């Protein structure tokens, strides 16, 4: 890990800490970063499921074997 000097909105930091249940500024920031990454992954999964891009879930031959 590296130390960074940044300006952070105190009210937003406090609210994020409450939402995340974080006890410290460091914990709040690290949990927030983890949540942003997880959100991006969930959005990607939703996009793939709604477009079926790269998935074979709409292939009847594949799905018929899935329920055996």
Protein backbone atom coordinates (compact mmCIF):
# COMPACT_ATOMS: atom_id res chain seq x y z
CA UNK A 1 0.00 0.00 0.00
CA UNK A 2 1.02 3.55 -0.58
CA UNK A 3 0.08 6.70 1.24
CA UNK A 4 -1.69 9.40 -0.75
CA UNK A 5 -2.48 12.98 0.13
CA UNK A 6 -5.91 13.84 -1.27
CA UNK A 7 -8.75 16.24 -0.54
CA UNK A 8 -11.89 14.42 0.57
CA UNK A 9 -15.33 15.89 1.18
CA UNK A 10 -15.80 15.34 4.92
CA UNK A 11 -19.59 15.03 4.73
CA UNK A 12 -19.41 12.44 1.97
CA UNK A 13 -16.71 10.53 3.83
CA UNK A 14 -18.82 10.50 7.00
CA UNK A 15 -21.94 9.37 5.12
CA UNK A 16 -20.02 6.66 3.27
CA UNK A 17 -18.61 5.45 6.58
CA UNK A 18 -22.13 5.21 7.99
CA UNK A 19 -23.46 3.37 4.95
CA UNK A 20 -20.55 0.94 4.94
CA UNK A 21 -20.38 0.56 8.72
CA UNK A 22 -16.71 1.50 8.62
CA UNK A 23 -14.97 2.63 11.78
CA UNK A 24 -12.07 4.57 10.26
CA UNK A 25 -11.32 6.78 7.28
CA UNK A 26 -8.98 4.15 5.86
CA UNK A 27 -11.60 1.43 6.23
CA UNK A 28 -14.23 3.67 4.61
CA UNK A 29 -12.07 4.44 1.59
CA UNK A 30 -10.94 0.83 1.11
CA UNK A 31 -14.50 -0.52 1.44
CA UNK A 32 -15.78 2.14 -0.95
CA UNK A 33 -13.19 1.16 -3.55
CA UNK A 34 -14.12 -2.52 -3.12
CA UNK A 35 -17.81 -1.66 -3.55
CA UNK A 36 -17.17 0.34 -6.74
CA UNK A 37 -15.27 -2.58 -8.25
CA UNK A 38 -18.02 -5.03 -7.24
CA UNK A 39 -20.66 -2.72 -8.72
CA UNK A 40 -18.80 -2.62 -12.03
CA UNK A 41 -18.67 -6.43 -12.06
CA UNK A 42 -22.40 -6.68 -11.32
CA UNK A 43 -23.16 -4.21 -14.12
CA UNK A 44 -21.06 -6.29 -16.51
CA UNK A 45 -22.93 -9.47 -15.50
CA UNK A 46 -26.29 -7.74 -16.02
CA UNK A 47 -25.18 -6.46 -19.43
CA UNK A 48 -24.07 -9.94 -20.45
CA UNK A 49 -27.32 -11.50 -19.25
CA UNK A 50 -29.51 -8.93 -20.97
CA UNK A 51 -27.63 -9.17 -24.28
CA UNK A 52 -26.64 -12.86 -23.93
CA UNK A 53 -23.24 -11.71 -25.25
CA UNK A 54 -20.80 -14.58 -24.81
CA UNK A 55 -23.39 -16.79 -23.12
CA UNK A 56 -25.09 -19.94 -24.31
CA UNK A 57 -28.04 -19.79 -21.93
CA UNK A 58 -30.42 -19.24 -24.85
CA UNK A 59 -29.12 -22.30 -26.70
CA UNK A 60 -31.79 -25.01 -26.35
CA UNK A 61 -29.26 -27.81 -26.90
CA UNK A 62 -27.04 -26.56 -24.11
CA UNK A 63 -29.88 -25.88 -21.70
CA UNK A 64 -31.55 -29.25 -22.27
CA UNK A 65 -28.39 -30.93 -20.93
CA UNK A 66 -28.23 -28.53 -18.00
CA UNK A 67 -31.26 -30.06 -16.28
CA UNK A 68 -30.14 -33.69 -16.28
